[in-house]
């Protein structure tokens, strides 16, 4: 989790005022987190936070949702005398993850750069596939190689197949992801058991509240 988002919650998140309609849906979604402790409970769905404009609060909101998951999961485990798993949730900055991929797949990259990048990349790959809850931030912001596309599909497929709730953020509508990734399978997998939540307005970055 990026440092700036570690303490953000739905109650103190700056976008809550401008994205009131979206937050109504999101609060109901967070209220469903307790179902993780119910045997045979309904599957927790995923969310796709989307706006054409950047800076509308999608990443902040996704981080707030993840923090709410951590709170409910940890407190719920303690209240039931269970040991909380070491990995409760994971925040994957897809753009940064792709930068690491490029760093160890370009020619003539020094080992001192390629080695740590590859280590970070595969550590993130494993965590993003298996975490009980995950944020995949900034889906579809860059063109991708076949290799990176395959790894991203593997992460998404693992999460969908294992019914692991995921919050995606993007400036690209789900239907347009097929054009960005040149792969119709990715949006099809993301759409499965996923609620699309639009964020409205223009960028609020740099605006003092």
N, C-alpha and C. Protein backbone atom coordinates (compact mmCIF):
# COMPACT_ATOMS: atom_id res chain seq x y z
N UNK A 1 0.85 -1.19 0.00
CA UNK A 1 0.00 0.00 0.00
C UNK A 1 0.89 1.24 0.00
N UNK A 2 0.70 2.14 -0.96
CA UNK A 2 1.46 3.40 -0.92
C UNK A 2 1.25 4.13 0.40
N UNK A 3 2.31 4.75 0.89
CA UNK A 3 2.29 5.37 2.22
C UNK A 3 1.14 6.38 2.37
N UNK A 4 0.86 7.15 1.32
CA UNK A 4 -0.15 8.21 1.44
C UNK A 4 -1.56 7.68 1.66
N UNK A 5 -1.77 6.38 1.41
CA UNK A 5 -3.11 5.81 1.54
C UNK A 5 -3.27 4.92 2.77
N UNK A 6 -2.27 4.81 3.60
CA UNK A 6 -2.31 3.81 4.66
C UNK A 6 -3.36 4.08 5.73
N UNK A 7 -3.74 5.32 5.91
CA UNK A 7 -4.71 5.65 6.96
C UNK A 7 -6.05 6.09 6.39
N UNK A 8 -6.24 5.99 5.09
CA UNK A 8 -7.48 6.46 4.50
C UNK A 8 -8.60 5.44 4.73
N UNK A 9 -9.78 5.93 5.06
CA UNK A 9 -10.97 5.10 5.24
C UNK A 9 -12.12 5.74 4.46
N UNK A 10 -13.24 5.06 4.42
CA UNK A 10 -14.40 5.63 3.75
C UNK A 10 -14.89 6.88 4.47
N UNK A 11 -14.65 6.97 5.77
CA UNK A 11 -15.12 8.12 6.53
C UNK A 11 -14.26 9.36 6.33
N UNK A 12 -12.97 9.17 6.02
CA UNK A 12 -12.11 10.36 5.86
C UNK A 12 -11.60 10.55 4.43
N UNK A 13 -12.03 9.70 3.50
CA UNK A 13 -11.57 9.80 2.12
C UNK A 13 -12.08 11.08 1.46
N UNK A 14 -11.17 11.83 0.87
CA UNK A 14 -11.53 13.10 0.25
C UNK A 14 -12.58 12.97 -0.87
N UNK A 15 -12.55 11.89 -1.67
CA UNK A 15 -13.52 11.82 -2.78
C UNK A 15 -14.96 11.59 -2.36
N UNK A 16 -15.22 11.30 -1.10
CA UNK A 16 -16.57 10.92 -0.68
C UNK A 16 -17.60 11.99 -1.01
N UNK A 17 -17.22 13.26 -0.90
CA UNK A 17 -18.17 14.34 -1.16
C UNK A 17 -18.50 14.45 -2.64
N UNK A 18 -17.47 14.42 -3.50
CA UNK A 18 -17.70 14.58 -4.94
C UNK A 18 -18.28 13.33 -5.59
N UNK A 19 -18.05 12.18 -4.97
CA UNK A 19 -18.51 10.91 -5.54
C UNK A 19 -19.57 10.29 -4.63
N UNK A 20 -20.54 11.09 -4.23
CA UNK A 20 -21.52 10.65 -3.24
C UNK A 20 -22.31 9.43 -3.73
N UNK A 21 -22.70 9.42 -4.98
CA UNK A 21 -23.49 8.29 -5.50
C UNK A 21 -22.67 7.01 -5.50
N UNK A 22 -21.43 7.12 -5.94
CA UNK A 22 -20.55 5.94 -5.93
C UNK A 22 -20.33 5.45 -4.50
N UNK A 23 -20.16 6.36 -3.56
CA UNK A 23 -19.87 5.96 -2.18
C UNK A 23 -21.07 5.30 -1.52
N UNK A 24 -22.28 5.61 -1.94
CA UNK A 24 -23.44 4.90 -1.42
C UNK A 24 -23.34 3.41 -1.75
N UNK A 25 -22.98 3.11 -2.99
CA UNK A 25 -22.82 1.72 -3.42
C UNK A 25 -21.65 1.08 -2.69
N UNK A 26 -20.56 1.81 -2.57
CA UNK A 26 -19.34 1.27 -1.96
C UNK A 26 -19.56 0.97 -0.48
N UNK A 27 -20.30 1.82 0.23
CA UNK A 27 -20.56 1.55 1.64
C UNK A 27 -21.39 0.27 1.82
N UNK A 28 -22.32 0.05 0.93
CA UNK A 28 -23.08 -1.21 0.99
C UNK A 28 -22.16 -2.40 0.69
N UNK A 29 -21.26 -2.21 -0.23
CA UNK A 29 -20.30 -3.26 -0.56
C UNK A 29 -19.43 -3.61 0.65
N UNK A 30 -18.89 -2.59 1.30
CA UNK A 30 -18.04 -2.82 2.47
C UNK A 30 -18.83 -3.50 3.59
N UNK A 31 -20.10 -3.16 3.73
CA UNK A 31 -20.93 -3.80 4.75
C UNK A 31 -21.06 -5.30 4.52
N UNK A 32 -20.83 -5.75 3.30
CA UNK A 32 -20.94 -7.18 2.99
C UNK A 32 -19.68 -7.95 3.36
N UNK A 33 -18.63 -7.26 3.79
CA UNK A 33 -17.37 -7.94 4.07
C UNK A 33 -17.50 -8.97 5.19
N UNK A 34 -18.45 -8.77 6.08
CA UNK A 34 -18.62 -9.74 7.18
C UNK A 34 -19.04 -11.10 6.67
N UNK A 35 -19.50 -11.16 5.43
CA UNK A 35 -19.92 -12.46 4.88
C UNK A 35 -18.76 -13.43 4.72
N UNK A 36 -17.54 -12.92 4.77
CA UNK A 36 -16.39 -13.81 4.63
C UNK A 36 -16.32 -14.83 5.78
N UNK A 37 -17.02 -14.53 6.88
CA UNK A 37 -16.99 -15.44 8.02
C UNK A 37 -18.21 -16.36 8.06
N UNK A 38 -19.07 -16.27 7.06
CA UNK A 38 -20.28 -17.10 7.02
C UNK A 38 -20.04 -18.31 6.14
N UNK A 39 -20.30 -19.48 6.68
CA UNK A 39 -20.20 -20.70 5.89
C UNK A 39 -21.32 -20.73 4.86
N UNK A 40 -20.95 -20.92 3.62
CA UNK A 40 -21.95 -20.99 2.57
C UNK A 40 -22.57 -19.66 2.21
N UNK A 41 -21.92 -18.56 2.62
CA UNK A 41 -22.45 -17.24 2.30
C UNK A 41 -22.28 -16.92 0.83
N UNK A 42 -23.00 -15.91 0.38
CA UNK A 42 -22.90 -15.51 -1.01
C UNK A 42 -21.49 -15.02 -1.34
N UNK A 43 -21.10 -15.26 -2.56
CA UNK A 43 -19.78 -14.83 -3.02
C UNK A 43 -19.70 -13.30 -2.99
N UNK A 44 -18.57 -12.79 -2.49
CA UNK A 44 -18.32 -11.35 -2.52
C UNK A 44 -17.92 -10.94 -3.93
N UNK A 45 -18.60 -9.96 -4.46
CA UNK A 45 -18.31 -9.52 -5.81
C UNK A 45 -17.10 -8.60 -5.84
N UNK A 46 -16.66 -8.27 -7.05
CA UNK A 46 -15.57 -7.32 -7.24
C UNK A 46 -16.14 -5.98 -7.70
N UNK A 47 -15.29 -4.96 -7.70
CA UNK A 47 -15.69 -3.62 -8.15
C UNK A 47 -14.74 -3.14 -9.23
N UNK A 48 -15.30 -2.37 -10.17
CA UNK A 48 -14.51 -1.74 -11.22
C UNK A 48 -14.79 -0.25 -11.15
N UNK A 49 -13.84 0.51 -10.58
CA UNK A 49 -13.99 1.95 -10.43
C UNK A 49 -13.42 2.61 -11.67
N UNK A 50 -14.25 3.38 -12.39
CA UNK A 50 -13.81 3.88 -13.69
C UNK A 50 -14.23 5.33 -13.90
N UNK A 51 -13.35 6.09 -14.51
CA UNK A 51 -13.67 7.44 -14.99
C UNK A 51 -12.73 7.75 -16.14
N UNK A 52 -13.25 8.45 -17.12
CA UNK A 52 -12.42 8.83 -18.25
C UNK A 52 -11.32 9.79 -17.81
N UNK A 53 -11.62 10.67 -16.87
CA UNK A 53 -10.65 11.63 -16.38
C UNK A 53 -9.84 11.02 -15.24
N UNK A 54 -8.53 11.27 -15.19
CA UNK A 54 -7.75 10.86 -14.03
C UNK A 54 -8.01 11.82 -12.87
N UNK A 55 -7.59 11.45 -11.68
CA UNK A 55 -7.66 12.36 -10.55
C UNK A 55 -9.03 12.53 -9.93
N UNK A 56 -9.93 11.59 -10.15
CA UNK A 56 -11.29 11.70 -9.60
C UNK A 56 -11.45 10.97 -8.27
N UNK A 57 -10.39 10.34 -7.79
CA UNK A 57 -10.44 9.70 -6.48
C UNK A 57 -10.57 8.20 -6.49
N UNK A 58 -10.36 7.58 -7.63
CA UNK A 58 -10.52 6.12 -7.72
C UNK A 58 -9.50 5.38 -6.86
N UNK A 59 -8.23 5.77 -6.97
CA UNK A 59 -7.18 5.07 -6.22
C UNK A 59 -7.35 5.29 -4.72
N UNK A 60 -7.65 6.52 -4.31
CA UNK A 60 -7.89 6.79 -2.90
C UNK A 60 -9.03 5.94 -2.38
N UNK A 61 -10.09 5.84 -3.15
CA UNK A 61 -11.25 5.06 -2.75
C UNK A 61 -10.91 3.57 -2.67
N UNK A 62 -10.18 3.08 -3.66
CA UNK A 62 -9.79 1.67 -3.65
C UNK A 62 -8.95 1.35 -2.42
N UNK A 63 -8.04 2.26 -2.06
CA UNK A 63 -7.23 2.06 -0.86
C UNK A 63 -8.09 2.07 0.40
N UNK A 64 -9.09 2.96 0.43
CA UNK A 64 -9.99 3.01 1.58
C UNK A 64 -10.76 1.70 1.72
N UNK A 65 -11.21 1.15 0.60
CA UNK A 65 -11.93 -0.13 0.63
C UNK A 65 -11.02 -1.23 1.14
N UNK A 66 -9.78 -1.25 0.68
CA UNK A 66 -8.83 -2.27 1.14
C UNK A 66 -8.61 -2.13 2.64
N UNK A 67 -8.47 -0.91 3.14
CA UNK A 67 -8.27 -0.72 4.58
C UNK A 67 -9.49 -1.16 5.37
N UNK A 68 -10.67 -0.96 4.81
CA UNK A 68 -11.88 -1.45 5.49
C UNK A 68 -11.88 -2.98 5.53
N UNK A 69 -11.42 -3.60 4.46
CA UNK A 69 -11.32 -5.07 4.44
C UNK A 69 -10.36 -5.55 5.53
N UNK A 70 -9.20 -4.88 5.64
CA UNK A 70 -8.23 -5.26 6.67
C UNK A 70 -8.85 -5.17 8.06
N UNK A 71 -9.58 -4.09 8.32
CA UNK A 71 -10.20 -3.90 9.64
C UNK A 71 -11.21 -5.01 9.93
N UNK A 72 -12.12 -5.25 9.00
CA UNK A 72 -13.15 -6.25 9.21
C UNK A 72 -12.53 -7.65 9.34
N UNK A 73 -11.55 -7.94 8.51
CA UNK A 73 -10.93 -9.27 8.52
C UNK A 73 -10.16 -9.53 9.80
N UNK A 74 -9.38 -8.53 10.23
CA UNK A 74 -8.55 -8.73 11.41
C UNK A 74 -9.40 -8.80 12.67
N UNK A 75 -10.31 -7.85 12.82
CA UNK A 75 -11.18 -7.85 14.00
C UNK A 75 -12.07 -9.09 14.01
N UNK A 76 -12.56 -9.46 12.84
CA UNK A 76 -13.42 -10.64 12.76
C UNK A 76 -12.70 -11.91 13.14
N UNK A 77 -11.44 -12.03 12.72
CA UNK A 77 -10.66 -13.21 13.07
C UNK A 77 -10.40 -13.26 14.57
N UNK A 78 -10.03 -12.13 15.15
CA UNK A 78 -9.79 -12.10 16.60
C UNK A 78 -11.05 -12.44 17.38
N UNK A 79 -12.18 -11.90 16.93
CA UNK A 79 -13.43 -12.15 17.64
C UNK A 79 -13.88 -13.59 17.58
N UNK A 80 -13.35 -14.33 16.62
CA UNK A 80 -13.72 -15.74 16.48
C UNK A 80 -12.57 -16.66 16.87
N UNK A 81 -11.58 -16.10 17.57
CA UNK A 81 -10.42 -16.86 18.04
C UNK A 81 -9.70 -17.57 16.89
N UNK A 82 -9.64 -16.88 15.76
CA UNK A 82 -8.93 -17.43 14.60
C UNK A 82 -7.63 -16.66 14.40
N UNK A 83 -6.69 -17.32 13.78
CA UNK A 83 -5.45 -16.66 13.40
C UNK A 83 -5.63 -16.00 12.04
N UNK A 84 -5.47 -14.69 12.00
CA UNK A 84 -5.57 -14.00 10.72
C UNK A 84 -4.40 -14.41 9.83
N UNK A 85 -4.63 -14.62 8.53
CA UNK A 85 -3.53 -15.00 7.64
C UNK A 85 -2.49 -13.88 7.55
N UNK A 86 -1.26 -14.28 7.23
CA UNK A 86 -0.17 -13.29 7.11
C UNK A 86 -0.49 -12.26 6.03
N UNK A 87 -1.09 -12.71 4.96
CA UNK A 87 -1.45 -11.82 3.86
C UNK A 87 -2.96 -11.69 3.80
N UNK A 88 -3.48 -10.56 4.28
CA UNK A 88 -4.93 -10.33 4.26
C UNK A 88 -5.39 -9.66 2.99
N UNK A 89 -4.53 -8.80 2.43
CA UNK A 89 -4.92 -8.04 1.23
C UNK A 89 -3.65 -7.55 0.55
N UNK A 90 -3.80 -7.16 -0.73
CA UNK A 90 -2.63 -6.70 -1.48
C UNK A 90 -3.03 -5.58 -2.43
N UNK A 91 -2.20 -4.55 -2.51
CA UNK A 91 -2.41 -3.42 -3.41
C UNK A 91 -1.38 -3.51 -4.52
N UNK A 92 -1.85 -3.73 -5.75
CA UNK A 92 -0.95 -3.85 -6.90
C UNK A 92 -1.10 -2.63 -7.79
N UNK A 93 -0.06 -1.80 -7.85
CA UNK A 93 0.01 -0.70 -8.80
C UNK A 93 0.42 -1.30 -10.14
N UNK A 94 -0.53 -1.51 -11.02
CA UNK A 94 -0.27 -2.23 -12.27
C UNK A 94 0.75 -1.48 -13.13
N UNK A 95 0.70 -0.16 -13.09
CA UNK A 95 1.65 0.64 -13.87
C UNK A 95 3.07 0.43 -13.37
N UNK A 96 3.28 0.47 -12.06
CA UNK A 96 4.61 0.24 -11.49
C UNK A 96 5.06 -1.20 -11.72
N UNK A 97 4.10 -2.12 -11.66
CA UNK A 97 4.41 -3.53 -11.90
C UNK A 97 4.91 -3.72 -13.34
N UNK A 98 4.28 -3.05 -14.28
CA UNK A 98 4.71 -3.14 -15.67
C UNK A 98 6.10 -2.51 -15.86
N UNK A 99 6.39 -1.44 -15.13
CA UNK A 99 7.71 -0.82 -15.20
C UNK A 99 8.78 -1.81 -14.75
N UNK A 100 8.49 -2.57 -13.68
CA UNK A 100 9.44 -3.59 -13.25
C UNK A 100 9.61 -4.66 -14.32
N UNK A 101 8.50 -5.06 -14.95
CA UNK A 101 8.59 -6.06 -16.02
C UNK A 101 9.51 -5.58 -17.13
N UNK A 102 9.33 -4.34 -17.54
CA UNK A 102 10.17 -3.79 -18.61
C UNK A 102 11.63 -3.71 -18.18
N UNK A 103 11.87 -3.45 -16.91
CA UNK A 103 13.24 -3.26 -16.43
C UNK A 103 14.08 -4.52 -16.56
N UNK A 104 13.47 -5.70 -16.42
CA UNK A 104 14.29 -6.91 -16.53
C UNK A 104 14.07 -7.65 -17.86
N UNK A 105 13.31 -7.04 -18.77
CA UNK A 105 13.11 -7.65 -20.09
C UNK A 105 13.70 -6.83 -21.23
N UNK A 106 14.32 -5.70 -20.91
CA UNK A 106 15.00 -4.93 -21.94
C UNK A 106 16.43 -5.41 -22.09
N UNK A 107 16.96 -5.24 -23.31
CA UNK A 107 18.35 -5.63 -23.57
C UNK A 107 19.30 -4.68 -22.85
N UNK A 108 20.43 -5.22 -22.42
CA UNK A 108 21.53 -4.45 -21.85
C UNK A 108 21.19 -3.75 -20.54
N UNK A 109 20.19 -4.25 -19.85
CA UNK A 109 19.90 -3.70 -18.52
C UNK A 109 20.88 -4.32 -17.53
N UNK A 110 21.57 -3.52 -16.74
CA UNK A 110 22.54 -4.08 -15.78
C UNK A 110 21.85 -5.02 -14.79
N UNK A 111 22.58 -6.05 -14.39
CA UNK A 111 22.03 -7.01 -13.44
C UNK A 111 21.62 -6.34 -12.13
N UNK A 112 22.30 -5.26 -11.77
CA UNK A 112 21.98 -4.57 -10.52
C UNK A 112 20.59 -3.94 -10.57
N UNK A 113 20.08 -3.71 -11.75
CA UNK A 113 18.72 -3.17 -11.93
C UNK A 113 17.73 -4.28 -12.25
N UNK A 114 18.12 -5.17 -13.18
CA UNK A 114 17.21 -6.23 -13.62
C UNK A 114 16.89 -7.21 -12.50
N UNK A 115 17.88 -7.56 -11.70
CA UNK A 115 17.67 -8.55 -10.64
C UNK A 115 16.64 -8.10 -9.61
N UNK A 116 16.82 -6.94 -8.99
CA UNK A 116 15.81 -6.46 -8.02
C UNK A 116 14.44 -6.25 -8.65
N UNK A 117 14.40 -5.78 -9.91
CA UNK A 117 13.11 -5.57 -10.57
C UNK A 117 12.38 -6.89 -10.75
N UNK A 118 13.11 -7.92 -11.17
CA UNK A 118 12.49 -9.24 -11.34
C UNK A 118 12.00 -9.81 -10.02
N UNK A 119 12.78 -9.59 -8.96
CA UNK A 119 12.37 -10.08 -7.64
C UNK A 119 11.09 -9.39 -7.18
N UNK A 120 11.03 -8.07 -7.33
CA UNK A 120 9.82 -7.33 -6.96
C UNK A 120 8.63 -7.79 -7.79
N UNK A 121 8.88 -7.98 -9.07
CA UNK A 121 7.81 -8.33 -10.01
C UNK A 121 7.16 -9.66 -9.62
N UNK A 122 7.97 -10.68 -9.39
CA UNK A 122 7.41 -12.01 -9.13
C UNK A 122 6.86 -12.13 -7.71
N UNK A 123 7.40 -11.33 -6.79
CA UNK A 123 6.80 -11.29 -5.46
C UNK A 123 5.39 -10.70 -5.54
N UNK A 124 5.26 -9.62 -6.32
CA UNK A 124 3.94 -9.01 -6.51
C UNK A 124 3.01 -9.94 -7.27
N UNK A 125 3.53 -10.64 -8.26
CA UNK A 125 2.75 -11.59 -9.05
C UNK A 125 2.10 -12.64 -8.16
N UNK A 126 2.88 -13.21 -7.25
CA UNK A 126 2.37 -14.25 -6.36
C UNK A 126 1.35 -13.68 -5.39
N UNK A 127 1.65 -12.52 -4.80
CA UNK A 127 0.74 -11.94 -3.81
C UNK A 127 -0.58 -11.53 -4.45
N UNK A 128 -0.52 -10.94 -5.64
CA UNK A 128 -1.73 -10.48 -6.31
C UNK A 128 -2.63 -11.64 -6.72
N UNK A 129 -2.04 -12.78 -7.00
CA UNK A 129 -2.84 -13.96 -7.36
C UNK A 129 -3.55 -14.56 -6.16
N UNK A 130 -2.93 -14.51 -4.99
CA UNK A 130 -3.41 -15.32 -3.87
C UNK A 130 -4.02 -14.55 -2.71
N UNK A 131 -3.84 -13.23 -2.63
CA UNK A 131 -4.36 -12.48 -1.49
C UNK A 131 -5.88 -12.62 -1.40
N UNK A 132 -6.42 -12.75 -0.20
CA UNK A 132 -7.88 -12.86 -0.06
C UNK A 132 -8.64 -11.67 -0.63
N UNK A 133 -7.98 -10.52 -0.68
CA UNK A 133 -8.59 -9.31 -1.24
C UNK A 133 -7.48 -8.52 -1.92
N UNK A 134 -7.78 -7.89 -3.06
CA UNK A 134 -6.72 -7.14 -3.75
C UNK A 134 -7.28 -5.93 -4.46
N UNK A 135 -6.43 -4.94 -4.59
CA UNK A 135 -6.67 -3.80 -5.48
C UNK A 135 -5.72 -3.93 -6.65
N UNK A 136 -6.25 -3.83 -7.87
CA UNK A 136 -5.44 -3.75 -9.08
C UNK A 136 -5.64 -2.35 -9.64
N UNK A 137 -4.67 -1.49 -9.36
CA UNK A 137 -4.81 -0.06 -9.63
C UNK A 137 -4.25 0.30 -11.00
N UNK A 138 -5.00 1.10 -11.74
CA UNK A 138 -4.57 1.62 -13.06
C UNK A 138 -4.47 0.53 -14.11
N UNK A 139 -5.55 -0.20 -14.29
CA UNK A 139 -5.63 -1.20 -15.36
C UNK A 139 -5.77 -0.48 -16.70
N UNK A 140 -4.97 -0.88 -17.67
CA UNK A 140 -5.18 -0.42 -19.04
C UNK A 140 -4.64 0.95 -19.37
N UNK A 141 -3.67 1.47 -18.59
CA UNK A 141 -3.18 2.82 -18.89
C UNK A 141 -2.03 2.81 -19.91
N UNK A 142 -1.44 1.64 -20.19
CA UNK A 142 -0.32 1.57 -21.11
C UNK A 142 -0.47 0.38 -22.05
N UNK A 143 0.16 0.49 -23.22
CA UNK A 143 0.24 -0.67 -24.10
C UNK A 143 1.08 -1.75 -23.43
N UNK A 144 0.80 -3.00 -23.78
CA UNK A 144 1.48 -4.10 -23.10
C UNK A 144 2.07 -5.07 -24.13
N UNK A 145 3.11 -5.77 -23.70
CA UNK A 145 3.68 -6.84 -24.50
C UNK A 145 2.87 -8.12 -24.27
N UNK A 146 3.11 -9.11 -25.12
CA UNK A 146 2.41 -10.38 -24.96
C UNK A 146 2.74 -11.01 -23.60
N UNK A 147 4.01 -10.90 -23.20
CA UNK A 147 4.43 -11.51 -21.94
C UNK A 147 3.75 -10.88 -20.74
N UNK A 148 3.73 -9.55 -20.69
CA UNK A 148 3.09 -8.88 -19.55
C UNK A 148 1.58 -9.12 -19.58
N UNK A 149 0.98 -9.08 -20.76
CA UNK A 149 -0.45 -9.35 -20.88
C UNK A 149 -0.78 -10.73 -20.33
N UNK A 150 0.05 -11.71 -20.63
CA UNK A 150 -0.18 -13.06 -20.13
C UNK A 150 -0.11 -13.13 -18.62
N UNK A 151 0.85 -12.42 -18.02
CA UNK A 151 0.96 -12.42 -16.56
C UNK A 151 -0.23 -11.72 -15.91
N UNK A 152 -0.65 -10.60 -16.49
CA UNK A 152 -1.80 -9.89 -15.95
C UNK A 152 -3.05 -10.75 -16.05
N UNK A 153 -3.21 -11.42 -17.17
CA UNK A 153 -4.36 -12.33 -17.32
C UNK A 153 -4.29 -13.45 -16.29
N UNK A 154 -3.09 -13.95 -16.01
CA UNK A 154 -2.94 -15.02 -15.01
C UNK A 154 -3.37 -14.55 -13.63
N UNK A 155 -3.04 -13.32 -13.28
CA UNK A 155 -3.46 -12.76 -11.99
C UNK A 155 -4.98 -12.66 -11.93
N UNK A 156 -5.56 -12.05 -12.96
CA UNK A 156 -7.01 -11.85 -12.97
C UNK A 156 -7.74 -13.18 -13.00
N UNK A 157 -7.26 -14.10 -13.81
CA UNK A 157 -7.90 -15.41 -13.92
C UNK A 157 -7.86 -16.16 -12.60
N UNK A 158 -6.71 -16.10 -11.91
CA UNK A 158 -6.59 -16.78 -10.62
C UNK A 158 -7.58 -16.21 -9.61
N UNK A 159 -7.74 -14.90 -9.62
CA UNK A 159 -8.63 -14.28 -8.65
C UNK A 159 -10.09 -14.61 -8.97
N UNK A 160 -10.46 -14.55 -10.25
CA UNK A 160 -11.83 -14.86 -10.63
C UNK A 160 -12.14 -16.33 -10.36
N UNK A 161 -11.24 -17.21 -10.75
CA UNK A 161 -11.46 -18.64 -10.59
C UNK A 161 -11.62 -19.03 -9.13
N UNK A 162 -10.86 -18.37 -8.26
CA UNK A 162 -10.90 -18.69 -6.83
C UNK A 162 -11.85 -17.80 -6.04
N UNK A 163 -12.69 -17.02 -6.76
CA UNK A 163 -13.70 -16.17 -6.14
C UNK A 163 -13.10 -15.22 -5.11
N UNK A 164 -11.97 -14.62 -5.45
CA UNK A 164 -11.30 -13.67 -4.57
C UNK A 164 -11.72 -12.25 -4.96
N UNK A 165 -12.36 -11.50 -4.06
CA UNK A 165 -12.83 -10.16 -4.42
C UNK A 165 -11.69 -9.22 -4.76
N UNK A 166 -11.92 -8.40 -5.77
CA UNK A 166 -10.89 -7.52 -6.31
C UNK A 166 -11.51 -6.16 -6.64
N UNK A 167 -10.78 -5.10 -6.34
CA UNK A 167 -11.18 -3.77 -6.77
C UNK A 167 -10.22 -3.33 -7.87
N UNK A 168 -10.76 -3.06 -9.04
CA UNK A 168 -9.98 -2.56 -10.16
C UNK A 168 -10.22 -1.05 -10.29
N UNK A 169 -9.18 -0.31 -10.67
CA UNK A 169 -9.39 1.09 -11.04
C UNK A 169 -8.85 1.30 -12.45
N UNK A 170 -9.52 2.18 -13.20
CA UNK A 170 -9.09 2.39 -14.58
C UNK A 170 -9.69 3.68 -15.12
N UNK A 171 -9.01 4.23 -16.13
CA UNK A 171 -9.57 5.33 -16.92
C UNK A 171 -10.19 4.81 -18.21
N UNK A 172 -10.28 3.48 -18.32
CA UNK A 172 -10.79 2.84 -19.53
C UNK A 172 -12.00 1.98 -19.16
N UNK A 173 -13.09 2.14 -19.86
CA UNK A 173 -14.26 1.32 -19.62
C UNK A 173 -13.94 -0.15 -19.86
N UNK A 174 -14.64 -1.03 -19.17
CA UNK A 174 -14.35 -2.47 -19.31
C UNK A 174 -14.40 -2.90 -20.77
N UNK A 175 -15.42 -2.47 -21.49
CA UNK A 175 -15.58 -2.89 -22.88
C UNK A 175 -14.41 -2.43 -23.76
N UNK A 176 -13.75 -1.34 -23.38
CA UNK A 176 -12.63 -0.82 -24.17
C UNK A 176 -11.32 -1.51 -23.85
N UNK A 177 -11.28 -2.31 -22.79
CA UNK A 177 -10.03 -2.99 -22.43
C UNK A 177 -9.59 -3.97 -23.51
N UNK A 178 -10.54 -4.54 -24.23
CA UNK A 178 -10.18 -5.48 -25.30
C UNK A 178 -9.32 -4.79 -26.35
N UNK A 179 -9.62 -3.54 -26.65
CA UNK A 179 -8.83 -2.78 -27.62
C UNK A 179 -7.46 -2.43 -27.05
N UNK A 180 -7.41 -2.03 -25.78
CA UNK A 180 -6.14 -1.65 -25.17
C UNK A 180 -5.20 -2.84 -25.08
N UNK A 181 -5.73 -3.97 -24.61
CA UNK A 181 -4.90 -5.15 -24.40
C UNK A 181 -4.83 -6.08 -25.61
N UNK A 182 -5.66 -5.79 -26.63
CA UNK A 182 -5.73 -6.66 -27.80
C UNK A 182 -6.03 -8.11 -27.38
N UNK A 183 -6.95 -8.21 -26.45
CA UNK A 183 -7.29 -9.52 -25.88
C UNK A 183 -8.68 -9.41 -25.27
N UNK A 184 -9.65 -10.11 -25.83
CA UNK A 184 -11.02 -10.05 -25.33
C UNK A 184 -11.20 -10.83 -24.04
N UNK A 185 -10.25 -11.71 -23.72
CA UNK A 185 -10.41 -12.53 -22.52
C UNK A 185 -10.31 -11.70 -21.25
N UNK A 186 -9.42 -10.70 -21.23
CA UNK A 186 -9.22 -9.91 -20.02
C UNK A 186 -10.49 -9.20 -19.56
N UNK A 187 -11.14 -8.42 -20.42
CA UNK A 187 -12.38 -7.79 -19.95
C UNK A 187 -13.47 -8.79 -19.60
N UNK A 188 -13.51 -9.91 -20.30
CA UNK A 188 -14.51 -10.93 -19.97
C UNK A 188 -14.30 -11.48 -18.56
N UNK A 189 -13.04 -11.70 -18.18
CA UNK A 189 -12.75 -12.20 -16.85
C UNK A 189 -13.01 -11.15 -15.79
N UNK A 190 -12.62 -9.90 -16.08
CA UNK A 190 -12.86 -8.82 -15.12
C UNK A 190 -14.34 -8.61 -14.89
N UNK A 191 -15.14 -8.67 -15.94
CA UNK A 191 -16.58 -8.41 -15.85
C UNK A 191 -17.31 -9.46 -15.01
N UNK A 192 -16.76 -10.66 -14.92
CA UNK A 192 -17.42 -11.75 -14.22
C UNK A 192 -17.56 -11.41 -12.73
N UNK A 193 -18.78 -11.38 -12.22
CA UNK A 193 -19.06 -11.10 -10.82
C UNK A 193 -18.49 -9.75 -10.38
N UNK A 194 -18.57 -8.75 -11.25
CA UNK A 194 -17.97 -7.45 -10.99
C UNK A 194 -18.99 -6.33 -11.20
N UNK A 195 -19.02 -5.40 -10.28
CA UNK A 195 -19.95 -4.26 -10.37
C UNK A 195 -19.20 -3.03 -10.86
N UNK A 196 -19.69 -2.43 -11.93
CA UNK A 196 -19.06 -1.26 -12.55
C UNK A 196 -19.54 0.02 -11.83
N UNK A 197 -18.60 0.81 -11.31
CA UNK A 197 -18.97 2.03 -10.59
C UNK A 197 -18.28 3.23 -11.24
N UNK A 198 -19.04 4.10 -11.91
CA UNK A 198 -18.44 5.28 -12.55
C UNK A 198 -18.12 6.37 -11.53
N UNK A 199 -16.97 7.03 -11.72
CA UNK A 199 -16.60 8.21 -10.96
C UNK A 199 -16.75 9.41 -11.89
N UNK A 200 -17.34 10.47 -11.38
CA UNK A 200 -17.71 11.59 -12.23
C UNK A 200 -16.79 12.79 -12.00
N UNK A 201 -16.87 13.75 -12.93
CA UNK A 201 -16.16 15.01 -12.76
C UNK A 201 -14.76 15.00 -13.34
N UNK A 202 -14.07 16.11 -13.13
CA UNK A 202 -12.70 16.28 -13.61
C UNK A 202 -11.71 16.03 -12.49
N UNK A 203 -10.44 16.08 -12.85
CA UNK A 203 -9.38 15.83 -11.87
C UNK A 203 -9.44 16.83 -10.73
N UNK A 204 -9.29 16.30 -9.51
CA UNK A 204 -9.24 17.16 -8.32
C UNK A 204 -7.82 17.29 -7.78
N UNK A 205 -6.84 16.77 -8.49
CA UNK A 205 -5.47 16.85 -8.01
C UNK A 205 -5.00 18.30 -8.00
N UNK A 206 -4.35 18.66 -6.92
CA UNK A 206 -3.84 20.01 -6.79
C UNK A 206 -4.86 21.01 -6.27
N UNK A 207 -6.09 20.57 -6.07
CA UNK A 207 -7.14 21.44 -5.54
C UNK A 207 -7.19 21.29 -4.03
N UNK A 208 -7.07 22.37 -3.31
CA UNK A 208 -7.10 22.31 -1.86
C UNK A 208 -8.54 22.18 -1.38
N UNK A 209 -8.72 21.30 -0.40
CA UNK A 209 -10.05 21.05 0.14
C UNK A 209 -10.34 21.98 1.32
